[in-house]
Protein backbone atom coordinates (compact mmCIF):
# COMPACT_ATOMS: atom_id res chain seq x y z
CA MET A 1 -0.09 0.06 0.00
CA LEU A 2 1.46 3.49 -0.88
CA LEU A 3 1.91 6.13 1.70
CA ALA A 4 -1.22 8.29 0.81
CA PRO A 5 -3.67 5.42 1.26
CA THR A 6 -2.02 4.35 4.52
CA ILE A 7 -2.23 7.83 5.90
CA ALA A 8 -5.92 7.97 4.77
CA MET A 9 -6.63 4.66 6.29
CA ALA A 10 -4.89 5.68 9.53
CA PHE A 11 -6.87 8.81 9.89
CA SER A 12 -10.10 7.06 8.90
CA MET A 13 -9.39 4.44 11.71
CA SER A 14 -8.94 7.17 14.12
CA ALA A 15 -12.46 8.78 13.59
CA ASP A 16 -14.31 6.56 15.99
CA ALA A 17 -11.69 7.35 18.79
CA PHE A 18 -11.72 11.02 17.86
CA ALA A 19 -15.58 11.20 18.31
CA ALA A 20 -15.19 9.46 21.72
CA SER A 21 -12.40 11.84 22.82
CA ILE A 22 -14.53 14.75 21.82
CA ALA A 23 -17.36 13.48 24.10
CA LYS A 24 -14.78 13.13 26.84
CA GLY A 25 -13.52 16.62 26.32
CA VAL A 26 -17.15 18.04 26.15
CA LYS A 27 -17.71 16.72 29.78
CA MET A 28 -14.57 18.29 30.99
CA PRO A 29 -14.54 22.05 31.98
CA LYS A 30 -10.86 22.56 30.71
CA PRO A 31 -8.95 19.40 29.93
CA LYS A 32 -5.14 19.51 30.73
CA PRO A 33 -2.86 18.54 27.90
CA THR A 34 -1.66 15.67 30.28
CA GLN A 35 -5.20 14.28 30.48
CA ALA A 36 -5.58 14.65 26.63
CA LEU A 37 -2.25 12.96 26.05
CA ARG A 38 -3.08 9.97 28.36
CA VAL A 39 -6.47 9.38 26.50
CA GLY A 40 -4.60 9.75 23.17
CA LEU A 41 -1.83 7.24 24.26
CA ILE A 42 -4.32 4.80 25.52
CA PHE A 43 -6.57 4.98 22.45
CA GLY A 44 -3.50 5.05 20.05
CA THR A 45 -1.95 1.95 21.72
CA VAL A 46 -5.06 -0.22 21.49
CA GLU A 47 -5.82 1.06 17.93
CA ALA A 48 -2.38 0.03 16.92
CA ILE A 49 -2.57 -3.47 18.49
CA THR A 50 -5.96 -4.30 16.83
CA PRO A 51 -5.01 -4.34 13.13
CA ILE A 52 -2.10 -6.68 14.06
CA ILE A 53 -4.46 -9.04 15.65
CA GLY A 54 -6.74 -8.92 12.68
CA TRP A 55 -3.92 -9.31 10.35
CA CYS A 56 -2.70 -12.48 12.15
CA LEU A 57 -6.32 -13.88 11.64
CA GLY A 58 -6.22 -12.78 8.03
CA LEU A 59 -2.97 -14.63 7.45
CA LEU A 60 -4.46 -17.81 8.95
CA ALA A 61 -7.31 -17.64 6.32
CA SER A 62 -5.30 -16.16 3.41
CA GLY A 63 -4.44 -19.53 1.90
CA PHE A 64 -8.16 -20.33 1.63
CA VAL A 65 -9.33 -17.20 0.05
CA ALA A 66 -6.48 -15.92 -2.03
CA SER A 67 -8.62 -15.75 -5.22
CA VAL A 68 -11.29 -13.51 -3.83
CA ASP A 69 -9.09 -11.59 -1.31
CA HIS A 70 -10.12 -8.23 -3.06
CA TRP A 71 -13.74 -8.88 -2.57
CA ILE A 72 -13.24 -9.63 1.07
CA ALA A 73 -11.23 -6.35 1.50
CA PHE A 74 -14.03 -4.55 -0.54
CA PHE A 75 -16.83 -5.93 1.67
CA ILE A 76 -15.05 -5.60 4.99
CA LEU A 77 -13.93 -2.01 4.32
CA GLY A 78 -17.18 -1.21 2.73
CA ALA A 79 -19.11 -2.58 5.65
CA VAL A 80 -17.13 -0.93 8.28
CA GLY A 81 -17.37 2.32 6.30
CA VAL A 82 -21.30 2.00 5.91
CA HIS A 83 -21.34 1.43 9.63
CA MET A 84 -19.46 4.48 10.52
CA LEU A 85 -21.59 6.56 8.12
CA LEU A 86 -24.78 5.18 9.82
CA GLU A 87 -23.29 5.94 13.23
CA SER A 88 -22.55 9.32 12.19
CA PHE A 89 -26.32 9.95 11.79
CA GLY A 90 -27.33 8.43 15.11
CA GLU A 91 -27.97 10.19 18.51
CA PRO A 92 -24.89 10.61 20.67
CA GLU A 93 -24.27 7.88 23.25
CA GLU A 94 -24.68 8.37 26.87
CA ARG A 95 -21.26 9.91 27.90
CA SER A 96 -19.33 9.50 31.05
CA THR A 97 -16.91 11.70 32.78
CA ASP A 98 -15.06 8.60 34.20
CA MET A 99 -11.46 8.87 33.24
CA SER A 100 -10.26 5.61 34.77
CA LEU A 101 -7.79 3.54 33.04
CA TRP A 102 -10.08 0.59 32.54
CA ARG A 103 -12.91 2.75 31.40
CA LEU A 104 -10.74 4.32 28.78
CA VAL A 105 -9.32 0.97 27.63
CA LEU A 106 -12.81 -0.38 27.16
CA ILE A 107 -13.81 2.59 25.16
CA ALA A 108 -10.71 2.21 23.22
CA ILE A 109 -11.38 -1.46 22.59
CA GLY A 110 -14.83 -0.53 21.45
CA THR A 111 -13.64 2.14 18.96
CA SER A 112 -10.92 -0.16 17.54
CA ILE A 113 -13.04 -3.27 16.43
CA ASP A 114 -13.14 -1.79 13.07
CA ALA A 115 -9.32 -1.58 13.01
CA MET A 116 -9.18 -5.36 13.57
CA ALA A 117 -11.46 -5.90 10.65
CA VAL A 118 -9.14 -3.62 8.51
CA GLY A 119 -6.26 -5.72 9.75
CA VAL A 120 -7.88 -8.78 8.40
CA THR A 121 -7.93 -7.17 4.89
CA LEU A 122 -4.34 -5.98 5.17
CA ALA A 123 -3.38 -9.66 5.40
CA PHE A 124 -4.52 -10.06 1.83
CA LEU A 125 -2.65 -7.06 0.53
CA ASP A 126 1.08 -6.44 -0.01
CA VAL A 127 1.56 -4.09 3.07
CA ASN A 128 3.72 -3.68 5.88
CA ILE A 129 1.42 -4.42 8.93
CA TRP A 130 3.95 -2.79 11.33
CA LEU A 131 3.98 0.48 9.55
CA SER A 132 0.23 0.45 8.87
CA ALA A 133 -0.44 -0.22 12.79
CA LEU A 134 2.02 2.45 13.66
CA ALA A 135 0.38 4.95 11.44
CA ILE A 136 -3.11 4.05 12.73
CA GLY A 137 -1.99 4.16 16.39
CA GLY A 138 -0.14 7.51 15.70
CA ALA A 139 -3.05 9.04 13.96
CA THR A 140 -5.48 7.77 16.70
CA CYS A 141 -3.15 9.16 19.46
CA LEU A 142 -3.01 12.57 17.63
CA MET A 143 -6.70 12.76 16.97
CA SER A 144 -7.75 11.70 20.34
CA SER A 145 -5.53 13.97 22.05
CA LEU A 146 -6.76 16.75 20.01
CA GLY A 147 -10.28 15.64 20.55
CA VAL A 148 -10.09 15.84 24.41
CA MET A 149 -8.61 19.35 24.23
CA THR A 150 -10.95 20.59 21.69
CA GLY A 151 -14.05 18.75 22.85
CA HIS A 152 -15.54 21.49 24.97
CA TYR A 153 -15.14 23.95 22.23
CA LEU A 154 -16.42 21.78 19.34
CA GLY A 155 -19.08 19.82 20.94
CA LEU A 156 -20.32 16.43 19.85
CA LYS A 157 -21.22 17.56 16.21
CA ALA A 158 -17.42 17.56 14.97
CA GLY A 159 -17.03 13.98 16.07
CA LYS A 160 -19.96 12.87 13.89
CA TYR A 161 -18.59 14.77 10.80
CA ALA A 162 -15.11 13.12 11.38
CA GLU A 163 -16.96 9.70 11.62
CA PHE A 164 -18.87 10.32 8.35
CA LEU A 165 -15.60 11.32 6.48
CA GLY A 166 -13.78 8.28 7.90
CA GLY A 167 -16.57 6.05 6.68
CA LEU A 168 -16.49 7.51 3.17
CA THR A 169 -12.71 7.14 3.12
CA LEU A 170 -12.90 3.44 3.99
CA ILE A 171 -15.45 2.82 1.42
CA ALA A 172 -13.23 4.67 -1.18
CA ILE A 173 -10.17 2.51 -0.21
CA GLY A 174 -12.10 -0.70 -0.36
CA THR A 175 -13.44 0.33 -3.96
CA GLY A 176 -10.07 1.11 -5.09
CA ILE A 177 -8.69 -2.08 -4.03
CA LEU A 178 -11.43 -3.89 -5.80
CA LEU A 179 -10.99 -2.00 -9.07
CA THR A 180 -7.35 -2.43 -8.94
CA HIS A 181 -7.40 -6.23 -8.30
CA THR A 182 -10.04 -6.87 -10.88
CA GLY A 183 -8.17 -4.90 -13.52
CA ILE A 184 -10.68 -2.15 -14.01
CA LEU A 185 -8.07 0.38 -12.88
């Protein structure tokens, strides 16, 4: 995978965590940079680990699905993208001001399930999983930290727009993989 799609994928994967961190920031009167960085590091670490787990699972299955891997990538990325689009139109979830480590880890796991699904698709492509995971984790750390710091200014709406754009980007990447592998592009 080239650099531009890797960066686009990384920031798309960070959209859920960005939305969740904005919600955290909305509940805080004036977040401190150390609080924002803590949230960013937790979210980024979990988001970097989950595509590696998905990639390992994808490698286990890759021998069975090599001839249709582009369709699998298209459907998984498309499904995750559509899910993100639909979530962006939904009502905001009940938010908590709890900033405990375990609460943040649970939220991070919840927002990184899509990264695991993307990791499965990366096993079918010629990508460096370590670079991809590092990009996803780094983008998530950055966006989550920014989300907490700006949350009380931006409100919940900005998180929904980020999730919407992230969903569109994943659908575009999945479509690009399909069109490239089928020879249309």
